Amino acid sequence: MFVRSLSFYVLALVVCSTIVFHCEGAPIINSINLQQYSTIQLGWTRDQITKLIGDEGKTISQSGLGNIYITTVQYTGTSLSVVIFIFQGSILYGKSQTGLDNGNYLMNEQQYNSIQIGWTRDQVTKLVNSSGDNASEAGTGNLTAVIVKYKGAGTKYGVITLGFYAGKIVSKVEIGFASTVNNKINLQQYSTIQIGWTQQQVVQLLGGSGTIMSESGLAGTAYQTSTIQYTGSQSVFSLAIFTFQGGKLLSKAQVGLDTGFYTMTQSQFSSIEIGWTRDQVTNFVGSQGSITSEAGSGTTKAILVRYTAAGSVYGNADLTFIDGKLFQKIGIGYFVISNTINLQQYTRIQIGWTQQQVTQLLGDSGTLLSQSGTQNSPYQMTMVQYKGSQSSFSLAIFTFQGGKLFSKAQSGLDTTDYQITPQQYNQLQIGWTRDQVTSLVGSQGNAISEAGTGTLSATIVQYKVYGTLFGTVSIGFFGGKLNSKTGVGFK
């Protein structure tokens, strides 16, 4: 089973159709049926919706500044169905539903393959002989985006998702059709193929056209983008993916074709500096690493090289080279972190401190997680982690820009039980100061992250929902004022 997908950035706003905010096993009383949902139109006011349904719904999040704010409201249908409305100000901008429409809308693989980018909804409906499940809608007028879902005919869990924008299809995604990739590729062939090759050259070398995973843009234009997949000849888990733009190879990536075992120690990872050439890294580590992806050419050529962390089962070091020089390094699951920090030390550290000040206070430089940008420049970014002294699950992460602390975050350092009730959550207003929130709730909350200074400072504060096991409220402050609130787990 594989996924064939097409990028659909214009519908990012309406992915709320996949988010379910209720938990704790208790139903949200606010109920809605399919007829009511279908009647409600984008552009309606919240008062109109409340009047139709007979209930104002559950406000699960709110964000914004001044009079410009976004509110997310939830209703439940029968069984496990959920409806989400997104209001911009008091006007409905987006709506989505999961499980409310239980119609049996089917599409087979042949029909899916026949659907073309640019088709209208009527053309799709005529081909498939059903209108599909309207999972979400967002926007206004000619800029409306709609996501429609079908079940994959002949599959157990197959789903087809079609995205329409301004009345025409711009995205199609399928999960579950039992197609197989027959075209094989080995490491030598993969290495031979170069950025800039035409699709015809790739097909000629490999002896097959591969399997189309995605397509977008008008055929024959410079902006037509196609993603093609081949399976590795040595293993069913290995594969290569090629992306063509305007008929020429824009990028390539492989998984499992290169079976070499390239290792890097923690000491080597820490010693490697931004700006090194690949030859310098290879000479220092003793191996060239596995090139997992390549894109671009000339001064914009980007290469991602991966090493296995020595002494780790799943750890990796990923090095990104741009124009032949190391631009970024990231250690994932890489090292045992021995440098510790407690809440008092974390609280004392302030945005704007130098990395040297942090190191001096904590007595250690921490464990380097990632680094990017030119060494010692104002744009160099460094991320360092410390382990909490009170538990193996607590930690603190500091991000430095140009040698100065830009942001800090902690998990598990503050073990105080800060609680908030649903009533208090509903009373919180966009624009309140943190002192006002503290005064209402009776506690300051757990500041899990901070970034920026002055009018550009951003802080996220968390509370536990009173009377629930996992309920959490997250409150975002920007410039000292509340600009977002989200509640998860209310009964």
Protein backbone atom coordinates (compact mmCIF):
# COMPACT_ATOMS: atom_id res chain seq x y z
CA MET A 1 0.00 0.00 0.00
CA PHE A 2 1.29 3.46 -0.79
CA VAL A 3 0.05 7.03 -0.86
CA ARG A 4 -0.33 9.14 -3.95
CA SER A 5 -0.66 12.75 -2.91
CA LEU A 6 -0.71 16.24 -4.38
CA SER A 7 0.32 19.32 -2.40
CA PHE A 8 -2.68 21.38 -1.40
CA TYR A 9 -1.42 24.36 0.57
CA VAL A 10 -4.50 26.47 -0.01
CA LEU A 11 -6.52 24.16 2.22
CA ALA A 12 -4.22 24.29 5.23
CA LEU A 13 -6.79 26.25 7.19
CA VAL A 14 -9.42 23.53 7.01
CA VAL A 15 -7.38 20.59 8.24
CA CYS A 16 -9.36 21.11 11.41
CA SER A 17 -11.57 18.35 10.01
CA THR A 18 -9.04 15.87 11.39
CA ILE A 19 -8.78 17.40 14.87
CA VAL A 20 -10.92 16.12 17.74
CA PHE A 21 -10.68 18.10 20.95
CA HIS A 22 -12.96 16.20 23.32
CA CYS A 23 -11.69 13.42 25.54
CA GLU A 24 -12.12 12.09 29.08
CA GLY A 25 -14.89 9.83 27.70
CA ALA A 26 -17.57 12.45 28.39
CA PRO A 27 -19.76 13.82 25.59
CA ILE A 28 -20.01 17.49 24.72
CA ILE A 29 -23.69 18.35 25.12
CA ASN A 30 -23.85 20.75 22.17
CA SER A 31 -25.38 18.61 19.38
CA ILE A 32 -25.94 19.07 15.64
CA ASN A 33 -27.27 16.93 12.76
CA LEU A 34 -26.31 16.73 9.09
CA GLN A 35 -29.31 18.76 7.91
CA GLN A 36 -28.39 21.63 10.23
CA TYR A 37 -24.73 21.45 9.22
CA SER A 38 -25.62 21.55 5.50
CA THR A 39 -27.96 24.50 6.03
CA ILE A 40 -25.26 26.61 7.68
CA GLN A 41 -23.36 28.68 5.09
CA LEU A 42 -19.99 30.42 5.15
CA GLY A 43 -20.59 34.07 6.01
CA TRP A 44 -23.24 33.36 8.64
CA THR A 45 -22.83 35.05 12.02
CA ARG A 46 -22.37 33.05 15.19
CA ASP A 47 -25.75 34.30 16.40
CA GLN A 48 -27.44 32.84 13.30
CA ILE A 49 -25.82 29.44 13.92
CA THR A 50 -26.71 29.51 17.62
CA LYS A 51 -30.32 30.31 16.74
CA LEU A 52 -30.54 27.44 14.21
CA ILE A 53 -28.97 24.81 16.46
CA GLY A 54 -30.36 26.12 19.74
CA ASP A 55 -26.98 26.15 21.44
CA GLU A 56 -23.84 28.31 21.21
CA GLY A 57 -21.47 25.32 21.11
CA LYS A 58 -18.21 24.73 22.94
CA THR A 59 -15.47 27.35 22.45
CA ILE A 60 -12.29 25.27 22.26
CA SER A 61 -9.86 27.98 21.15
CA GLN A 62 -9.60 31.69 20.53
CA SER A 63 -6.74 33.81 19.24
CA GLY A 64 -5.97 37.22 17.81
CA LEU A 65 -5.19 40.82 18.69
CA GLY A 66 -7.59 43.70 19.22
CA ASN A 67 -10.77 43.33 17.17
CA ILE A 68 -9.20 40.77 14.83
CA TYR A 69 -9.63 37.34 16.39
CA ILE A 70 -10.30 33.74 15.43
CA THR A 71 -12.68 31.54 17.42
CA THR A 72 -13.05 27.76 17.08
CA VAL A 73 -16.34 26.27 18.24
CA GLN A 74 -17.21 22.57 18.52
CA TYR A 75 -20.47 20.65 18.35
CA THR A 76 -21.04 16.89 18.44
CA GLY A 77 -23.36 14.80 16.32
CA THR A 78 -24.52 11.26 16.89
CA SER A 79 -22.01 8.63 18.03
CA LEU A 80 -18.41 9.88 17.50
CA SER A 81 -19.15 12.59 14.94
CA VAL A 82 -17.70 16.07 15.47
CA VAL A 83 -18.36 19.47 13.85
CA ILE A 84 -15.95 22.41 13.99
CA PHE A 85 -16.83 26.01 13.08
CA ILE A 86 -14.12 28.67 12.65
CA PHE A 87 -15.19 32.29 13.02
CA GLN A 88 -13.19 35.32 11.93
CA GLY A 89 -14.59 37.96 14.21
CA SER A 90 -18.26 36.95 14.38
CA ILE A 91 -18.43 35.67 10.78
CA LEU A 92 -18.16 31.97 9.82
CA TYR A 93 -15.01 31.48 7.76
CA GLY A 94 -14.59 27.70 7.86
CA LYS A 95 -16.55 24.59 8.81
CA SER A 96 -15.72 20.90 8.94
CA GLN A 97 -17.32 17.66 10.02
CA THR A 98 -16.11 14.16 10.77
CA GLY A 99 -18.59 11.28 10.88
CA LEU A 100 -21.71 13.40 10.51
CA ASP A 101 -22.32 12.29 6.91
CA ASN A 102 -22.42 8.47 6.93
CA GLY A 103 -23.25 8.11 3.24
CA ASN A 104 -21.47 5.32 1.35
CA TYR A 105 -19.61 7.33 -1.31
CA LEU A 106 -17.34 5.01 -3.33
CA MET A 107 -14.60 5.59 -5.90
CA ASN A 108 -12.53 2.91 -7.61
CA GLU A 109 -8.88 3.16 -8.61
CA GLN A 110 -9.62 3.56 -12.30
CA GLN A 111 -11.90 6.52 -11.57
CA TYR A 112 -9.27 8.05 -9.29
CA ASN A 113 -6.63 7.79 -12.00
CA SER A 114 -8.99 9.40 -14.54
CA ILE A 115 -9.59 12.53 -12.49
CA GLN A 116 -7.52 15.48 -13.72
CA ILE A 117 -6.30 18.64 -12.02
CA GLY A 118 -8.60 21.47 -13.08
CA TRP A 119 -11.80 19.41 -13.22
CA THR A 120 -14.94 20.93 -11.72
CA ARG A 121 -16.93 19.26 -8.96
CA ASP A 122 -19.68 18.44 -11.46
CA GLN A 123 -17.21 16.57 -13.66
CA VAL A 124 -16.04 14.48 -10.71
CA THR A 125 -19.60 13.82 -9.56
CA LYS A 126 -20.61 12.75 -13.07
CA LEU A 127 -17.67 10.35 -13.37
CA VAL A 128 -18.11 8.76 -9.94
CA ASN A 129 -21.91 9.07 -9.85
CA SER A 130 -21.94 10.56 -6.34
CA SER A 131 -21.14 13.93 -4.79
CA GLY A 132 -18.92 12.61 -2.02
CA ASP A 133 -18.67 13.61 1.63
CA ASN A 134 -18.15 17.37 2.15
CA ALA A 135 -15.55 17.14 4.92
CA SER A 136 -14.72 20.84 5.12
CA GLU A 137 -15.21 24.28 3.59
CA ALA A 138 -13.38 27.57 4.08
CA GLY A 139 -13.06 31.01 2.52
CA THR A 140 -15.48 33.31 0.77
CA GLY A 141 -16.91 33.74 -2.72
CA ASN A 142 -14.58 32.65 -5.52
CA LEU A 143 -11.85 31.89 -2.98
CA THR A 144 -13.74 29.07 -1.28
CA ALA A 145 -11.84 25.82 -0.63
CA VAL A 146 -13.67 22.51 -0.23
CA ILE A 147 -12.42 19.05 0.77
CA VAL A 148 -14.47 16.08 -0.45
CA LYS A 149 -13.92 12.49 0.63
CA TYR A 150 -14.75 9.08 -0.90
CA LYS A 151 -14.15 5.52 0.26
CA GLY A 152 -11.82 3.39 -1.84
CA ALA A 153 -13.93 0.75 -3.62
CA GLY A 154 -12.60 -2.74 -2.99
CA THR A 155 -10.48 -1.68 -0.01
CA LYS A 156 -11.06 -2.08 3.72
CA TYR A 157 -9.85 1.32 4.87
CA GLY A 158 -9.03 3.14 1.61
CA VAL A 159 -9.84 6.87 1.47
CA ILE A 160 -9.73 9.35 -1.42
CA THR A 161 -9.54 13.05 -0.62
CA LEU A 162 -10.17 15.66 -3.30
CA GLY A 163 -9.42 19.34 -2.79
CA PHE A 164 -11.31 22.02 -4.72
CA TYR A 165 -10.36 25.69 -4.83
CA ALA A 166 -12.47 28.30 -6.62
CA GLY A 167 -14.61 25.44 -7.94
CA LYS A 168 -11.79 23.43 -9.54
CA ILE A 169 -9.80 20.46 -8.32
CA VAL A 170 -6.28 21.33 -7.18
CA SER A 171 -5.47 18.28 -5.08
CA LYS A 172 -6.15 14.57 -4.97
CA VAL A 173 -4.88 12.07 -2.41
CA GLU A 174 -5.52 8.34 -2.10
CA ILE A 175 -4.61 5.95 0.68
CA GLY A 176 -5.37 2.25 0.44
CA PHE A 177 -5.44 1.14 -3.19
CA ALA A 178 -3.34 -2.02 -3.52
CA SER A 179 -1.15 -0.82 -6.39
CA THR A 180 2.46 -1.97 -6.49
CA VAL A 181 5.58 -0.26 -7.76
CA ASN A 182 7.13 -2.65 -10.30
CA ASN A 183 9.99 -0.48 -11.58
CA LYS A 184 13.27 -1.33 -9.79
CA ILE A 185 16.33 0.78 -9.09
CA ASN A 186 19.72 0.12 -7.49
CA LEU A 187 22.23 2.48 -5.83
CA GLN A 188 24.47 2.69 -8.91
CA GLN A 189 21.57 3.77 -11.11
CA TYR A 190 20.37 6.25 -8.48
CA SER A 191 23.85 7.79 -8.22
CA THR A 192 24.11 8.08 -12.02
CA ILE A 193 20.93 10.15 -12.29
CA GLN A 194 21.72 13.87 -11.98
CA ILE A 195 19.68 16.95 -11.10
CA GLY A 196 18.57 18.56 -14.37
CA TRP A 197 18.01 15.29 -16.25
CA THR A 198 14.78 15.07 -18.21
CA GLN A 199 12.13 12.59 -17.19
CA GLN A 200 12.75 10.78 -20.48
CA GLN A 201 16.44 10.30 -19.60
CA VAL A 202 15.51 8.77 -16.23
CA VAL A 203 12.96 6.44 -17.84
CA GLN A 204 15.50 5.39 -20.47
CA LEU A 205 18.15 4.54 -17.86
CA LEU A 206 15.78 2.61 -15.55
CA GLY A 207 13.71 0.95 -18.28
CA GLY A 208 10.40 1.99 -16.76
CA SER A 209 8.33 5.09 -16.04
CA GLY A 210 7.91 4.41 -12.31
CA THR A 211 4.72 5.03 -10.36
CA ILE A 212 3.20 8.51 -10.30
CA MET A 213 2.72 9.59 -6.68
CA SER A 214 1.57 13.13 -7.37
CA GLU A 215 0.98 15.68 -10.09
CA SER A 216 0.12 19.36 -10.04
CA GLY A 217 0.12 22.27 -12.47
CA LEU A 218 -0.90 22.38 -16.12
CA ALA A 219 0.63 19.70 -18.34
CA GLY A 220 3.50 20.89 -20.52
CA THR A 221 4.11 24.10 -18.54
CA ALA A 222 7.26 25.09 -16.65
CA TYR A 223 5.32 24.76 -13.38
CA GLN A 224 4.02 21.23 -13.87
CA THR A 225 5.37 19.15 -10.98
CA SER A 226 5.44 15.34 -10.91
CA THR A 227 6.70 13.01 -8.18
CA ILE A 228 7.68 9.50 -9.32
CA GLN A 229 8.56 6.48 -7.18
CA TYR A 230 10.72 3.42 -7.88
CA THR A 231 11.32 0.49 -5.52
CA GLY A 232 14.81 -0.65 -4.62
CA SER A 233 16.02 -3.85 -6.19
CA GLN A 234 17.63 -5.15 -2.99
CA SER A 235 14.70 -4.80 -0.56
CA VAL A 236 10.95 -4.19 -0.53
CA PHE A 237 11.58 -1.46 2.05
CA SER A 238 14.00 0.51 -0.16
CA LEU A 239 12.83 3.14 -2.63
CA ALA A 240 13.77 6.20 -4.63
CA ILE A 241 11.63 9.27 -5.26
CA PHE A 242 12.24 11.76 -8.09
CA THR A 243 10.52 15.14 -8.40
CA PHE A 244 10.36 16.78 -11.83
CA GLN A 245 9.42 20.38 -12.53
CA GLY A 246 8.77 21.42 -16.09
CA GLY A 247 9.98 17.99 -17.21
CA LYS A 248 13.41 18.27 -15.54
CA LEU A 249 14.66 16.61 -12.36
CA LEU A 250 14.39 19.08 -9.47
CA SER A 251 15.19 16.74 -6.56
CA LYS A 252 15.83 13.12 -5.70
CA ALA A 253 15.75 11.10 -2.48
CA GLN A 254 16.39 7.52 -1.46
CA VAL A 255 15.68 5.28 1.51
CA GLY A 256 17.46 1.96 1.92
CA LEU A 257 19.35 1.96 -1.40
CA ASP A 258 22.64 2.80 0.30
CA THR A 259 23.23 -0.01 2.82
CA GLY A 260 26.63 1.29 3.96
CA PHE A 261 27.14 1.67 7.72
CA TYR A 262 28.38 5.21 8.34
CA THR A 263 28.87 6.14 12.02
CA MET A 264 29.62 9.38 13.85
CA THR A 265 30.50 9.81 17.53
CA GLN A 266 29.14 12.51 19.83
CA SER A 267 32.57 14.11 19.99
CA GLN A 268 32.79 14.26 16.20
CA PHE A 269 29.27 15.71 15.88
CA SER A 270 30.08 18.46 18.40
CA SER A 271 33.43 19.27 16.74
CA ILE A 272 32.10 19.68 13.20
CA GLU A 273 31.62 23.36 12.39
CA ILE A 274 29.15 25.20 10.19
CA GLY A 275 30.93 26.19 6.95
CA TRP A 276 33.01 23.02 6.64
CA THR A 277 33.12 21.41 3.20
CA ARG A 278 31.93 17.88 2.70
CA ASP A 279 35.53 16.75 2.17
CA GLN A 280 36.48 18.21 5.56
CA VAL A 281 33.63 16.31 7.23
CA THR A 282 34.51 13.08 5.40
CA ASN A 283 38.18 13.33 6.36
CA PHE A 284 37.31 14.10 9.98
CA VAL A 285 34.71 11.34 10.43
CA GLY A 286 36.41 8.77 8.21
CA SER A 287 33.40 8.08 5.94
CA GLN A 288 31.30 10.02 3.43
CA GLY A 289 27.89 9.23 4.93
CA SER A 290 24.72 8.32 3.08
CA ILE A 291 23.31 10.96 0.73
CA THR A 292 19.59 10.72 1.43
CA SER A 293 18.48 13.61 -0.79
CA GLU A 294 19.66 16.20 -3.32
CA ALA A 295 18.00 19.26 -4.82
CA GLY A 296 18.92 22.30 -6.91
CA SER A 297 22.17 23.05 -8.71
CA GLY A 298 25.13 25.40 -8.55
CA THR A 299 25.16 27.78 -5.58
CA THR A 300 21.67 26.60 -4.53
CA LYS A 301 22.49 22.90 -4.57
CA ALA A 302 21.41 21.26 -1.30
CA ILE A 303 22.50 17.80 -0.09
CA LEU A 304 21.36 15.96 3.03
CA VAL A 305 23.92 13.46 4.38
CA ARG A 306 23.09 11.01 7.18
CA TYR A 307 25.27 9.16 9.67
CA THR A 308 24.30 6.66 12.36
CA ALA A 309 25.04 7.77 15.92
CA ALA A 310 27.80 5.55 17.29
CA GLY A 311 26.55 3.55 20.27
CA SER A 312 22.89 4.30 19.52
CA VAL A 313 20.22 1.99 18.10
CA TYR A 314 18.08 4.64 16.39
CA GLY A 315 20.16 7.85 16.61
CA ASN A 316 21.15 9.81 13.50
CA ALA A 317 23.22 12.83 12.62
CA ASP A 318 21.82 14.75 9.65
CA LEU A 319 24.13 17.23 7.90
CA THR A 320 22.83 19.68 5.29
CA PHE A 321 25.26 21.12 2.75
CA ILE A 322 24.38 24.11 0.55
CA ASP A 323 26.76 25.10 -2.23
CA GLY A 324 29.21 22.52 -0.91
CA LYS A 325 29.41 23.88 2.65
CA LEU A 326 27.82 22.70 5.88
CA PHE A 327 24.75 24.80 6.56
CA GLN A 328 23.02 22.80 9.32
CA LYS A 329 23.63 19.83 11.60
CA ILE A 330 21.02 18.01 13.66
CA GLY A 331 21.41 15.15 16.12
CA ILE A 332 18.30 13.00 16.54
CA GLY A 333 18.02 10.49 19.39
CA TYR A 334 21.71 10.89 19.50
CA PHE A 335 23.33 11.14 22.88
CA VAL A 336 22.87 10.47 26.58
CA ILE A 337 22.33 13.88 28.13
CA SER A 338 24.20 14.27 31.42
CA ASN A 339 24.02 18.06 31.83
CA THR A 340 21.31 18.88 34.39
CA ILE A 341 19.19 21.93 35.28
CA ASN A 342 16.58 22.72 37.93
CA LEU A 343 13.57 25.07 37.88
CA GLN A 344 15.32 27.79 39.87
CA GLN A 345 18.19 27.91 37.38
CA TYR A 346 15.83 27.82 34.40
CA THR A 347 13.75 30.70 35.79
CA ARG A 348 16.85 32.79 36.45
CA ILE A 349 18.05 32.54 32.84
CA GLN A 350 16.69 35.46 30.82
CA ILE A 351 16.08 36.06 27.12
CA GLY A 352 19.10 38.00 25.80
CA TRP A 353 21.70 36.21 27.92
CA THR A 354 24.80 35.07 26.06
CA GLN A 355 25.50 31.37 25.67
CA GLN A 356 28.56 31.91 27.87
CA GLN A 357 26.37 33.31 30.70
CA VAL A 358 24.08 30.26 30.53
CA THR A 359 27.06 27.90 30.53
CA GLN A 360 28.61 29.73 33.49
CA LEU A 361 25.41 29.50 35.56
CA LEU A 362 24.78 25.82 34.82
CA GLY A 363 28.41 24.74 34.91
CA ASP A 364 28.18 23.00 31.55
CA SER A 365 27.62 23.84 27.88
CA GLY A 366 24.73 21.39 27.48
CA THR A 367 24.16 18.94 24.66
CA LEU A 368 24.15 20.40 21.15
CA LEU A 369 20.96 19.39 19.28
CA SER A 370 21.30 21.48 16.14
CA GLN A 371 23.21 24.34 14.58
CA SER A 372 22.80 26.39 11.41
CA GLY A 373 24.03 29.63 9.84
CA THR A 374 27.49 31.11 9.42
CA GLN A 375 29.76 30.73 12.45
CA ASN A 376 29.77 33.82 14.76
CA SER A 377 27.31 35.70 12.55
CA PRO A 378 24.11 37.38 13.85
CA TYR A 379 22.11 34.68 12.05
CA GLN A 380 23.83 31.63 13.52
CA MET A 381 21.22 29.47 15.31
CA THR A 382 22.21 26.99 18.02
CA MET A 383 19.90 24.70 19.99
CA VAL A 384 21.15 23.23 23.27
CA GLN A 385 19.44 20.78 25.63
CA TYR A 386 19.80 20.10 29.37
CA LYS A 387 18.21 17.31 31.39
CA GLY A 388 16.05 18.18 34.41
CA SER A 389 17.62 17.30 37.75
CA GLN A 390 14.37 16.05 39.32
CA SER A 391 13.31 13.45 36.75
CA SER A 392 14.57 11.59 33.69
CA PHE A 393 11.58 12.93 31.73
CA SER A 394 12.20 16.63 32.47
CA LEU A 395 14.31 18.83 30.19
CA ALA A 396 15.09 22.36 29.07
CA ILE A 397 15.94 23.58 25.57
CA PHE A 398 17.64 26.88 24.81
CA THR A 399 17.87 28.44 21.34
CA PHE A 400 20.57 31.03 20.69
CA GLN A 401 20.68 33.43 17.76
CA GLY A 402 23.98 35.16 17.15
CA GLY A 403 25.25 33.94 20.51
CA LYS A 404 22.33 35.39 22.52
CA LEU A 405 19.37 33.54 24.01
CA PHE A 406 16.38 33.90 21.68
CA SER A 407 13.99 31.40 23.26
CA LYS A 408 13.74 28.86 26.05
CA ALA A 409 11.36 26.00 26.79
CA GLN A 410 10.97 23.44 29.55
CA SER A 411 9.01 20.28 30.14
CA GLY A 412 8.65 18.71 33.58
CA LEU A 413 10.85 21.20 35.45
CA ASP A 414 7.86 22.93 37.04
CA THR A 415 5.90 20.19 38.86
CA THR A 416 3.38 22.52 40.54
CA ASP A 417 -0.27 21.56 40.01
CA TYR A 418 -1.74 24.68 38.37
CA GLN A 419 -5.47 24.15 37.77
CA ILE A 420 -8.20 26.02 35.91
CA THR A 421 -11.94 25.36 35.73
CA PRO A 422 -14.00 25.39 32.52
CA GLN A 423 -15.86 28.43 33.85
CA GLN A 424 -12.59 30.32 34.37
CA TYR A 425 -11.40 29.33 30.90
CA ASN A 426 -14.59 30.70 29.33
CA GLN A 427 -14.15 34.00 31.19
CA LEU A 428 -10.65 34.63 29.82
CA GLN A 429 -10.66 37.38 27.21
CA ILE A 430 -8.27 38.11 24.34
CA GLY A 431 -6.23 41.16 25.34
CA TRP A 432 -6.01 40.36 29.06
CA THR A 433 -2.64 40.74 30.79
CA ARG A 434 -1.01 37.81 32.54
CA ASP A 435 -1.71 39.50 35.89
CA GLN A 436 -5.43 39.54 35.06
CA VAL A 437 -5.33 35.84 34.20
CA THR A 438 -3.41 35.04 37.38
CA SER A 439 -5.87 37.06 39.45
CA LEU A 440 -8.87 35.20 37.99
CA VAL A 441 -7.41 31.69 38.14
CA GLY A 442 -5.52 32.11 41.41
CA SER A 443 -2.16 30.89 40.10
CA GLN A 444 0.40 31.99 37.51
CA GLY A 445 0.43 28.74 35.54
CA ASN A 446 3.34 26.79 34.08
CA ALA A 447 5.39 28.92 31.66
CA ILE A 448 6.52 26.21 29.24
CA SER A 449 8.17 28.52 26.70
CA GLU A 450 9.36 32.09 26.20
CA ALA A 451 10.79 33.97 23.23
CA GLY A 452 11.56 37.54 22.21
CA THR A 453 11.56 40.70 24.33
CA GLY A 454 9.40 43.75 24.98
CA THR A 455 6.46 44.21 22.63
CA LEU A 456 7.64 41.14 20.66
CA SER A 457 7.84 38.80 23.65
CA ALA A 458 5.85 35.56 23.43
CA THR A 459 5.03 33.25 26.34
CA ILE A 460 2.99 30.05 26.51
CA VAL A 461 1.44 29.17 29.88
CA GLN A 462 -0.28 25.88 30.70
CA TYR A 463 -2.86 24.83 33.28
CA LYS A 464 -4.48 21.47 34.05
CA VAL A 465 -8.24 21.32 33.71
CA TYR A 466 -9.84 20.84 37.11
CA GLY A 467 -11.66 17.51 37.52
CA THR A 468 -10.09 15.83 34.46
CA LEU A 469 -7.27 13.35 34.06
CA PHE A 470 -5.60 14.75 30.95
CA GLY A 471 -7.36 18.07 30.29
CA THR A 472 -4.99 20.94 29.44
CA VAL A 473 -5.39 24.65 28.77
CA SER A 474 -2.68 26.53 26.86
CA ILE A 475 -2.65 30.32 26.97
CA GLY A 476 -0.45 32.37 24.64
CA PHE A 477 0.70 35.88 25.51
CA PHE A 478 2.23 38.24 22.95
CA GLY A 479 3.62 41.60 24.03
CA GLY A 480 2.31 40.88 27.52
CA LYS A 481 -1.30 40.36 26.43
CA LEU A 482 -3.35 37.23 25.88
CA ASN A 483 -3.65 36.51 22.16
CA SER A 484 -4.64 32.82 22.13
CA LYS A 485 -6.28 30.22 24.35
CA THR A 486 -6.89 26.54 23.69
CA GLY A 487 -8.63 23.99 25.87
CA VAL A 488 -8.33 20.23 25.38
CA GLY A 489 -10.08 17.64 27.52
CA PHE A 490 -13.04 19.52 29.04
CA LYS A 491 -15.85 17.30 30.23
